[in-house]
Amino acid sequence: MDDISLGGLAGILVLLLVFGAWFSAAETSMMAINRHRLNTLVRKGSKSAKLTARLLAQIDKLLGSILFGNTLLNVAAAAVTNMFILRVFGASELALLLGTLGITFVLLVVSEILPKIIAASHPEHIALPSSYLLAPLVTLFHPVVSVATALVRGFLWLFRIKVQTDQSKQKITLEELRGLVLESEHFLPRKHQKMLLNLVDLEHITVNDVMIPRSQIEALNINAAPDVLRQQIITSHHVLLPVYADTLDNIIGVLHIKRTLALLQEETLDLEQLQTLLLEPYFTPSETPLLSQLQYFQERRMRLGLVVDEYGELLGLVSLENILEEIVGEFTTQSPAQTGSFLRQEDGSLLLEGSNSLRELNRKFGFHFPLSGAKTLNGLILEHLQDIPEAGTSLKIANHPIEIIQTQGRIVKVVRIFPARQAD
């Protein structure tokens, strides 16, 4: 090394610092790169992405090689610095001490902090090109790294620490997925983000939460007069109608309205032929998650299910449209019997029918009514009071003052809800 000039030593030192900075940047970028984005690039056929994914699949060898190379360069940089100082200042202890402190500071700033900050900010731009140089280095350093890795694995086994070496196989939970969607507000339109969140939440919502209650089901009584049945079919707001005999607890089939067009041309509706057109009814438990119900509809190629409790009693009806509306929002035309009307008052309060769905009210008006128990506004009030209220009764639920305007029998027909800010 005595034959190398001072300029040569300075050049070597600069090169060592540059390569040390690259090792630090490569390490940080490999750890910080978005695995989902990387998998997308792999599926698109990116060669650098495939190489990066292979390196990350053997994370112990990759990190071992990077750390070995980085350590080797840092030690070499310190040695070259000492030689430079000896050439210039001689064997001065003060000069060696100051030189050691100086190269430590330079290594910290130039080869560690600065490249790692840049790599953490732009991991994809650094990790993908770096993979072409890291791949041969992993092979070159394999003998040394394999010995070090074996020792590390021995210590891990000794302390009973399990390590997932293939980061690409890490599973993501629904909550983590929800967090990713929430963080994507700068990349996705608000409407698309909301749809994705609704899709994630399908696993936590059951058919009992979105079903049309039994009292609002539009159905046909097969034992009714032919003229009555004809009128019901012609004026129906739905394509599929449940058909029962005398009582809703005795569902005998489901009628597709389009299949009755030929029968409706006759002067008298033929009930026997009408029964031959009925589809087999499909019953689903009330606690079925919506995501599972959507899959069941797809597998059975159905659009309508009759919701029953654990005793087989009919609770309501769920359709494919009900589930899709949970994802994309309301888009279908509903029967007037199933559309809870409202009227906004000058003081900001709302006049609402008791048959309104709590989920729909929360979604449409931003209320925060609990959804764990009752499903309708009428049911929530009765559950809260544990009694049938009279008109004029006032109460407060979820910080919303509520006034009972009209009751009918055991049902709360109309209520007035005031904004939550007036509940202070």
Protein backbone atom coordinates (compact mmCIF):
# COMPACT_ATOMS: atom_id res chain seq x y z
CA MET A 1 0.00 0.00 0.00
CA ASP A 2 3.08 2.26 0.31
CA ASP A 3 3.16 2.61 -3.47
CA ILE A 4 -0.31 4.17 -3.58
CA SER A 5 -0.35 7.93 -3.61
CA LEU A 6 -2.38 10.07 -1.24
CA GLY A 7 -4.77 10.83 -4.08
CA GLY A 8 -5.17 7.10 -4.72
CA LEU A 9 -5.95 6.47 -1.05
CA ALA A 10 -8.52 9.29 -1.09
CA GLY A 11 -10.10 7.79 -4.22
CA ILE A 12 -10.26 4.32 -2.65
CA LEU A 13 -11.85 5.83 0.47
CA VAL A 14 -14.51 7.57 -1.61
CA LEU A 15 -15.28 4.32 -3.47
CA LEU A 16 -15.58 2.42 -0.18
CA LEU A 17 -17.99 5.05 1.16
CA VAL A 18 -20.09 4.93 -2.03
CA PHE A 19 -20.36 1.14 -2.02
CA GLY A 20 -21.07 1.17 1.70
CA ALA A 21 -23.89 3.65 1.08
CA TRP A 22 -25.28 1.38 -1.65
CA PHE A 23 -25.29 -1.63 0.68
CA SER A 24 -27.18 0.38 3.31
CA ALA A 25 -29.68 1.65 0.73
CA ALA A 26 -30.15 -1.85 -0.70
CA GLU A 27 -30.82 -3.30 2.76
CA THR A 28 -33.43 -0.66 3.65
CA SER A 29 -35.15 -0.76 0.25
CA MET A 30 -35.43 -4.55 0.31
CA MET A 31 -37.06 -4.44 3.72
CA ALA A 32 -39.31 -1.48 2.92
CA ILE A 33 -40.56 -2.48 -0.54
CA ASN A 34 -44.32 -3.05 -0.76
CA ARG A 35 -44.81 -6.83 -1.03
CA HIS A 36 -48.23 -6.49 -2.66
CA ARG A 37 -46.88 -4.09 -5.27
CA LEU A 38 -43.93 -6.44 -5.81
CA ASN A 39 -46.25 -9.42 -6.35
CA THR A 40 -48.21 -7.37 -8.88
CA LEU A 41 -45.01 -6.61 -10.82
CA VAL A 42 -44.05 -10.29 -10.70
CA ARG A 43 -47.42 -11.26 -12.22
CA LYS A 44 -46.81 -8.67 -14.96
CA GLY A 45 -43.54 -10.38 -15.84
CA SER A 46 -40.98 -7.87 -14.52
CA LYS A 47 -37.55 -9.56 -14.44
CA SER A 48 -36.17 -7.32 -11.70
CA ALA A 49 -39.30 -7.93 -9.59
CA LYS A 50 -38.95 -11.70 -9.99
CA LEU A 51 -35.29 -11.50 -8.97
CA THR A 52 -36.15 -9.31 -5.98
CA ALA A 53 -38.89 -11.73 -4.91
CA ARG A 54 -36.43 -14.65 -5.08
CA LEU A 55 -33.95 -12.76 -2.91
CA LEU A 56 -36.63 -11.91 -0.36
CA ALA A 57 -37.68 -15.57 -0.30
CA GLN A 58 -34.26 -16.34 1.28
CA ILE A 59 -34.17 -13.36 3.62
CA ASP A 60 -31.52 -14.82 5.92
CA LYS A 61 -28.99 -15.21 3.08
CA LEU A 62 -29.86 -11.79 1.67
CA LEU A 63 -29.44 -9.92 4.96
CA GLY A 64 -26.30 -11.90 5.81
CA SER A 65 -24.68 -10.99 2.49
CA ILE A 66 -25.62 -7.31 2.75
CA LEU A 67 -24.38 -7.00 6.33
CA PHE A 68 -21.16 -8.88 5.51
CA GLY A 69 -20.43 -6.62 2.54
CA ASN A 70 -21.31 -3.47 4.45
CA THR A 71 -19.19 -4.43 7.46
CA LEU A 72 -16.27 -5.36 5.22
CA LEU A 73 -16.42 -1.98 3.46
CA ASN A 74 -16.69 -0.02 6.72
CA VAL A 75 -13.68 -1.79 8.20
CA ALA A 76 -11.72 -1.20 4.98
CA ALA A 77 -12.71 2.48 5.00
CA ALA A 78 -11.41 2.80 8.58
CA ALA A 79 -8.13 1.07 7.62
CA VAL A 80 -7.60 3.32 4.58
CA THR A 81 -8.29 6.36 6.76
CA ASN A 82 -5.61 5.26 9.24
CA MET A 83 -3.09 4.79 6.41
CA PHE A 84 -3.92 8.24 5.04
CA ILE A 85 -3.37 9.81 8.46
CA LEU A 86 -0.07 7.97 9.00
CA ARG A 87 1.18 9.24 5.64
CA VAL A 88 0.26 12.83 6.38
CA PHE A 89 0.72 13.24 10.14
CA GLY A 90 2.90 10.30 11.05
CA ALA A 91 2.31 8.12 14.13
CA SER A 92 0.44 10.82 16.03
CA GLU A 93 -2.02 9.42 18.55
CA LEU A 94 -4.09 12.60 18.48
CA ALA A 95 -4.29 12.50 14.69
CA LEU A 96 -5.34 8.81 14.76
CA LEU A 97 -8.00 9.56 17.37
CA LEU A 98 -9.39 12.49 15.42
CA GLY A 99 -9.24 10.47 12.20
CA THR A 100 -11.17 7.60 13.79
CA LEU A 101 -13.85 9.98 15.06
CA GLY A 102 -13.98 11.72 11.69
CA ILE A 103 -14.41 8.55 9.61
CA THR A 104 -17.02 7.29 12.09
CA PHE A 105 -19.05 10.46 11.59
CA VAL A 106 -18.65 10.30 7.80
CA LEU A 107 -19.69 6.63 7.72
CA LEU A 108 -22.71 7.40 9.90
CA VAL A 109 -23.91 10.25 7.68
CA VAL A 110 -22.78 9.23 4.17
CA SER A 111 -22.99 5.42 4.36
CA GLU A 112 -25.85 4.92 6.82
CA ILE A 113 -28.36 7.70 7.56
CA LEU A 114 -28.48 9.46 4.17
CA PRO A 115 -28.81 6.35 1.93
CA LYS A 116 -31.30 4.69 4.28
CA ILE A 117 -33.57 7.75 4.32
CA ILE A 118 -33.50 7.89 0.52
CA ALA A 119 -34.14 4.14 0.25
CA ALA A 120 -37.02 4.26 2.72
CA SER A 121 -38.63 7.04 0.65
CA HIS A 122 -38.17 5.30 -2.72
CA PRO A 123 -37.75 1.57 -1.98
CA GLU A 124 -39.01 0.29 -5.33
CA HIS A 125 -36.64 2.49 -7.38
CA ILE A 126 -33.63 1.19 -5.44
CA ALA A 127 -34.54 -2.42 -4.61
CA LEU A 128 -35.39 -3.55 -8.14
CA PRO A 129 -32.14 -2.37 -9.85
CA SER A 130 -30.06 -3.44 -6.83
CA SER A 131 -31.31 -7.01 -7.17
CA TYR A 132 -29.10 -7.54 -10.25
CA LEU A 133 -25.96 -6.86 -8.20
CA LEU A 134 -27.16 -8.44 -4.97
CA ALA A 135 -27.92 -11.80 -6.61
CA PRO A 136 -24.28 -12.59 -7.56
CA LEU A 137 -23.02 -11.19 -4.25
CA VAL A 138 -25.32 -13.55 -2.34
CA THR A 139 -23.72 -16.42 -4.29
CA LEU A 140 -20.20 -15.05 -3.78
CA PHE A 141 -20.59 -14.54 -0.03
CA HIS A 142 -22.45 -17.83 0.44
CA PRO A 143 -19.60 -19.78 2.19
CA VAL A 144 -19.05 -17.11 4.85
CA VAL A 145 -22.72 -16.23 5.23
CA SER A 146 -23.78 -19.89 5.50
CA VAL A 147 -21.48 -20.37 8.50
CA ALA A 148 -22.78 -17.21 10.16
CA THR A 149 -26.39 -18.18 9.34
CA ALA A 150 -25.90 -21.62 10.86
CA LEU A 151 -24.66 -20.02 14.08
CA VAL A 152 -27.63 -17.61 14.11
CA ARG A 153 -30.10 -20.45 13.55
CA GLY A 154 -28.47 -22.33 16.41
CA PHE A 155 -29.04 -19.38 18.74
CA LEU A 156 -32.64 -19.01 17.50
CA TRP A 157 -33.29 -22.70 18.13
CA LEU A 158 -31.70 -22.41 21.57
CA PHE A 159 -34.04 -19.56 22.54
CA ARG A 160 -37.06 -21.21 20.80
CA ILE A 161 -37.56 -18.27 18.41
CA LYS A 162 -39.43 -19.08 15.20
CA VAL A 163 -38.65 -17.00 12.12
CA GLN A 164 -40.65 -16.64 8.89
CA THR A 165 -37.93 -16.58 6.24
CA ASP A 166 -40.21 -16.15 3.21
CA GLN A 167 -41.80 -12.73 3.69
CA SER A 168 -43.95 -13.15 0.58
CA LYS A 169 -46.01 -15.82 2.37
CA GLN A 170 -47.07 -13.60 5.23
CA LYS A 171 -50.84 -13.48 5.58
CA ILE A 172 -52.80 -10.27 5.90
CA THR A 173 -55.80 -10.04 8.22
CA LEU A 174 -59.11 -8.36 7.40
CA GLU A 175 -58.28 -5.53 9.80
CA GLU A 176 -54.93 -4.98 8.09
CA LEU A 177 -56.67 -5.03 4.71
CA ARG A 178 -59.17 -2.48 6.00
CA GLY A 179 -56.26 -0.32 7.15
CA LEU A 180 -54.67 -0.52 3.69
CA VAL A 181 -57.91 0.60 2.07
CA LEU A 182 -58.25 3.50 4.53
CA GLU A 183 -54.68 4.58 3.76
CA SER A 184 -55.40 4.55 0.02
CA GLU A 185 -57.57 7.69 0.15
CA HIS A 186 -54.98 9.60 -1.91
CA PHE A 187 -55.03 6.98 -4.69
CA LEU A 188 -58.67 5.87 -4.83
CA PRO A 189 -61.83 7.92 -5.39
CA ARG A 190 -63.88 8.22 -2.20
CA LYS A 191 -66.71 6.16 -3.70
CA HIS A 192 -64.39 3.30 -4.68
CA GLN A 193 -62.77 3.33 -1.24
CA LYS A 194 -66.16 3.11 0.43
CA MET A 195 -67.14 0.16 -1.77
CA LEU A 196 -63.96 -1.70 -0.83
CA LEU A 197 -64.55 -1.04 2.87
CA ASN A 198 -68.10 -2.32 2.53
CA LEU A 199 -66.78 -5.45 0.82
CA VAL A 200 -64.32 -6.09 3.66
CA ASP A 201 -67.11 -5.61 6.22
CA LEU A 202 -69.35 -8.24 4.58
CA GLU A 203 -67.72 -10.90 6.75
CA HIS A 204 -69.00 -9.14 9.89
CA ILE A 205 -72.57 -8.54 8.66
CA THR A 206 -75.22 -11.26 8.66
CA VAL A 207 -78.33 -11.68 6.53
CA ASN A 208 -80.32 -10.82 9.65
CA ASP A 209 -78.90 -7.29 9.41
CA VAL A 210 -80.05 -6.57 5.85
CA MET A 211 -83.08 -8.80 5.33
CA ILE A 212 -86.54 -7.49 4.49
CA PRO A 213 -88.61 -8.16 7.65
CA ARG A 214 -91.41 -10.70 7.48
CA SER A 215 -94.06 -7.99 7.85
CA GLN A 216 -92.81 -6.28 4.67
CA ILE A 217 -92.51 -9.35 2.43
CA GLU A 218 -94.57 -9.16 -0.73
CA ALA A 219 -95.81 -12.70 -1.37
CA LEU A 220 -98.63 -14.61 -3.09
CA ASN A 221 -101.20 -16.80 -1.38
CA ILE A 222 -101.75 -19.69 -3.77
CA ASN A 223 -105.22 -20.25 -2.24
CA ALA A 224 -106.38 -16.71 -3.07
CA ALA A 225 -108.88 -16.06 -5.86
CA PRO A 226 -107.41 -16.19 -9.40
CA ASP A 227 -108.34 -12.56 -10.06
CA VAL A 228 -106.59 -11.46 -6.88
CA LEU A 229 -103.45 -13.40 -7.81
CA ARG A 230 -103.49 -11.97 -11.33
CA GLN A 231 -103.70 -8.43 -9.98
CA GLN A 232 -100.86 -9.06 -7.51
CA ILE A 233 -98.62 -10.46 -10.22
CA ILE A 234 -99.32 -7.59 -12.63
CA THR A 235 -98.72 -4.89 -10.02
CA SER A 236 -95.72 -6.54 -8.34
CA HIS A 237 -92.57 -4.45 -7.89
CA HIS A 238 -90.37 -7.56 -7.90
CA VAL A 239 -89.25 -10.22 -10.35
CA LEU A 240 -89.28 -13.00 -7.74
CA LEU A 241 -92.18 -13.55 -5.33
CA PRO A 242 -92.48 -16.12 -2.52
CA VAL A 243 -95.64 -18.21 -2.75
CA TYR A 244 -97.33 -19.63 0.33
CA ALA A 245 -100.45 -21.58 1.21
CA ASP A 246 -102.67 -19.68 3.68
CA THR A 247 -99.81 -18.57 5.96
CA LEU A 248 -96.28 -17.27 5.42
CA ASP A 249 -94.97 -20.11 7.55
CA ASN A 250 -96.00 -22.47 4.76
CA ILE A 251 -93.85 -21.34 1.82
CA ILE A 252 -94.32 -23.72 -1.12
CA GLY A 253 -92.12 -22.06 -3.73
CA VAL A 254 -90.84 -18.94 -5.44
CA LEU A 255 -92.44 -17.53 -8.59
CA HIS A 256 -90.47 -15.84 -11.35
CA ILE A 257 -92.83 -13.23 -12.77
CA LYS A 258 -91.48 -13.54 -16.32
CA ARG A 259 -92.53 -17.20 -16.42
CA THR A 260 -96.16 -16.19 -15.92
CA LEU A 261 -96.49 -14.01 -19.03
CA ALA A 262 -98.17 -16.77 -21.04
CA LEU A 263 -100.60 -17.57 -18.21
CA LEU A 264 -101.57 -13.93 -17.86
CA GLN A 265 -102.77 -13.92 -21.47
CA GLU A 266 -105.57 -16.32 -20.56
CA GLU A 267 -108.93 -15.01 -19.35
CA THR A 268 -108.70 -17.00 -16.12
CA LEU A 269 -105.45 -17.67 -14.29
CA ASP A 270 -104.84 -21.43 -14.16
CA LEU A 271 -103.67 -22.14 -10.59
CA GLU A 272 -102.49 -25.68 -11.37
CA GLN A 273 -100.22 -24.45 -14.16
CA LEU A 274 -99.08 -21.62 -11.90
CA GLN A 275 -97.90 -24.15 -9.31
CA THR A 276 -95.85 -25.99 -11.95
CA LEU A 277 -93.90 -22.79 -12.55
CA LEU A 278 -92.80 -22.45 -8.94
CA LEU A 279 -89.11 -22.72 -8.11
CA GLU A 280 -87.99 -24.62 -5.04
CA PRO A 281 -87.67 -22.23 -2.07
CA TYR A 282 -84.21 -21.68 -0.61
CA PHE A 283 -83.92 -21.16 3.15
CA THR A 284 -80.91 -19.63 4.88
CA PRO A 285 -80.07 -19.24 8.60
CA SER A 286 -80.36 -15.72 9.98
CA GLU A 287 -76.75 -15.67 11.24
CA THR A 288 -75.19 -16.44 7.85
CA PRO A 289 -72.43 -13.88 7.03
CA LEU A 290 -73.24 -11.81 3.95
CA LEU A 291 -70.03 -12.84 2.21
CA SER A 292 -70.94 -16.51 2.62
CA GLN A 293 -74.51 -15.80 1.48
CA LEU A 294 -73.19 -14.07 -1.64
CA GLN A 295 -71.10 -17.16 -2.41
CA TYR A 296 -74.13 -19.42 -1.83
CA PHE A 297 -76.19 -17.36 -4.27
CA GLN A 298 -73.41 -17.67 -6.84
CA GLU A 299 -72.97 -21.43 -6.37
CA ARG A 300 -76.72 -22.16 -6.52
CA ARG A 301 -77.39 -19.49 -9.16
CA MET A 302 -80.12 -17.98 -7.02
CA ARG A 303 -81.13 -14.41 -6.25
CA LEU A 304 -83.47 -14.83 -3.30
CA GLY A 305 -83.36 -16.60 0.07
CA LEU A 306 -85.90 -16.96 2.86
CA VAL A 307 -84.35 -16.17 6.25
CA VAL A 308 -85.27 -18.49 9.13
CA ASP A 309 -84.24 -18.70 12.78
CA GLU A 310 -82.90 -21.75 14.62
CA TYR A 311 -86.44 -23.14 14.93
CA GLY A 312 -87.20 -22.78 11.24
CA GLU A 313 -89.58 -19.85 11.71
CA LEU A 314 -89.62 -17.35 8.85
CA LEU A 315 -87.99 -14.05 9.84
CA GLY A 316 -87.66 -12.29 6.53
CA LEU A 317 -86.24 -12.37 3.04
CA VAL A 318 -82.80 -11.58 1.62
CA SER A 319 -82.04 -11.02 -2.04
CA LEU A 320 -78.91 -10.61 -4.11
CA GLU A 321 -79.83 -6.93 -4.48
CA ASN A 322 -79.81 -6.49 -0.68
CA ILE A 323 -76.22 -7.75 -0.53
CA LEU A 324 -75.03 -5.72 -3.52
CA GLU A 325 -76.52 -2.59 -1.97
CA GLU A 326 -74.35 -3.18 1.09
CA ILE A 327 -71.34 -2.91 -1.24
CA VAL A 328 -72.24 -0.23 -3.78
CA GLY A 329 -75.11 1.57 -2.03
CA GLU A 330 -78.80 1.75 -2.85
CA PHE A 331 -79.59 1.30 -6.53
CA THR A 332 -82.75 -0.81 -6.88
CA THR A 333 -86.36 0.31 -6.98
CA GLN A 334 -88.11 -0.92 -3.85
CA SER A 335 -91.71 -1.60 -3.15
CA PRO A 336 -93.49 1.26 -1.40
CA ALA A 337 -94.12 -1.09 1.53
CA GLN A 338 -90.36 -1.50 1.98
CA THR A 339 -89.38 2.13 1.62
CA GLY A 340 -89.38 3.94 4.94
CA SER A 341 -90.35 7.53 4.17
CA PHE A 342 -88.99 10.60 5.98
CA LEU A 343 -89.74 14.29 6.13
CA ARG A 344 -87.23 16.91 7.21
CA GLN A 345 -88.58 19.66 9.45
CA GLU A 346 -87.55 23.32 9.59
CA ASP A 347 -85.84 22.84 12.97
CA GLY A 348 -83.57 20.14 11.49
CA SER A 349 -85.47 17.21 12.95
CA LEU A 350 -86.71 14.26 10.87
CA LEU A 351 -90.11 12.61 10.80
CA LEU A 352 -89.50 8.91 10.19
CA GLU A 353 -91.55 5.75 9.97
CA GLY A 354 -90.84 3.16 12.63
CA SER A 355 -90.31 0.51 9.97
CA ASN A 356 -87.05 2.16 8.83
CA SER A 357 -83.97 -0.04 8.97
CA LEU A 358 -81.38 1.12 11.51
CA ARG A 359 -78.52 0.32 9.14
CA GLU A 360 -80.18 2.42 6.45
CA LEU A 361 -80.73 5.33 8.86
CA ASN A 362 -77.12 5.21 10.04
CA ARG A 363 -75.88 5.15 6.46
CA LYS A 364 -78.25 7.80 5.08
CA PHE A 365 -78.33 10.33 7.93
CA GLY A 366 -75.12 9.60 9.84
CA PHE A 367 -76.88 8.35 12.99
CA HIS A 368 -75.09 6.01 15.38
CA PHE A 369 -77.86 3.68 16.45
CA PRO A 370 -76.64 0.30 17.78
CA LEU A 371 -77.00 -2.60 15.34
CA SER A 372 -76.34 -5.51 17.68
CA GLY A 373 -79.97 -5.98 18.71
CA ALA A 374 -83.08 -4.60 16.99
CA LYS A 375 -82.95 -4.05 13.25
CA THR A 376 -85.67 -1.40 12.84
CA LEU A 377 -86.37 1.93 14.52
CA ASN A 378 -89.61 0.53 15.98
CA GLY A 379 -87.78 -2.46 17.44
CA LEU A 380 -85.01 -0.28 18.90
CA ILE A 381 -87.53 1.96 20.71
CA LEU A 382 -89.49 -1.00 22.11
CA GLU A 383 -86.26 -2.69 23.19
CA HIS A 384 -85.06 0.51 24.87
CA LEU A 385 -88.29 1.23 26.74
CA GLN A 386 -89.22 -2.40 27.44
CA ASP A 387 -92.80 -1.27 26.89
CA ILE A 388 -95.19 -0.03 24.22
CA PRO A 389 -94.99 3.79 24.35
CA GLU A 390 -97.79 6.28 23.90
CA ALA A 391 -97.76 9.22 21.49
CA GLY A 392 -95.85 12.14 23.00
CA THR A 393 -93.31 9.96 24.83
CA SER A 394 -89.72 11.27 24.57
CA LEU A 395 -86.47 9.35 24.97
CA LYS A 396 -82.83 9.53 23.93
CA ILE A 397 -80.90 6.79 22.13
CA ALA A 398 -77.30 7.13 20.91
CA ASN A 399 -77.39 10.81 21.93
CA HIS A 400 -80.37 11.47 19.62
CA PRO A 401 -83.56 12.86 21.25
CA ILE A 402 -86.57 10.93 19.93
CA GLU A 403 -90.25 11.84 20.21
CA ILE A 404 -93.02 9.31 19.57
CA ILE A 405 -95.51 10.92 17.20
CA GLN A 406 -97.87 8.05 16.37
CA THR A 407 -98.41 4.47 17.50
CA GLN A 408 -100.69 1.77 16.18
CA GLY A 409 -101.40 -1.24 18.34
CA ARG A 410 -98.02 -2.62 19.38
CA ILE A 411 -96.10 -0.72 16.70
CA VAL A 412 -94.44 2.69 16.73
CA LYS A 413 -95.58 4.17 13.42
CA VAL A 414 -94.00 7.64 13.27
CA VAL A 415 -91.23 9.27 15.32
CA ARG A 416 -89.34 12.54 15.27
CA ILE A 417 -85.56 12.43 15.65
CA PHE A 418 -83.59 15.55 16.52
CA PRO A 419 -79.93 16.12 15.59
CA ALA A 420 -77.45 14.81 18.13
CA ARG A 421 -76.00 18.28 18.74
CA GLN A 422 -79.31 19.32 20.37
CA ALA A 423 -78.93 16.60 23.00
CA ASP A 424 -76.38 18.52 25.09
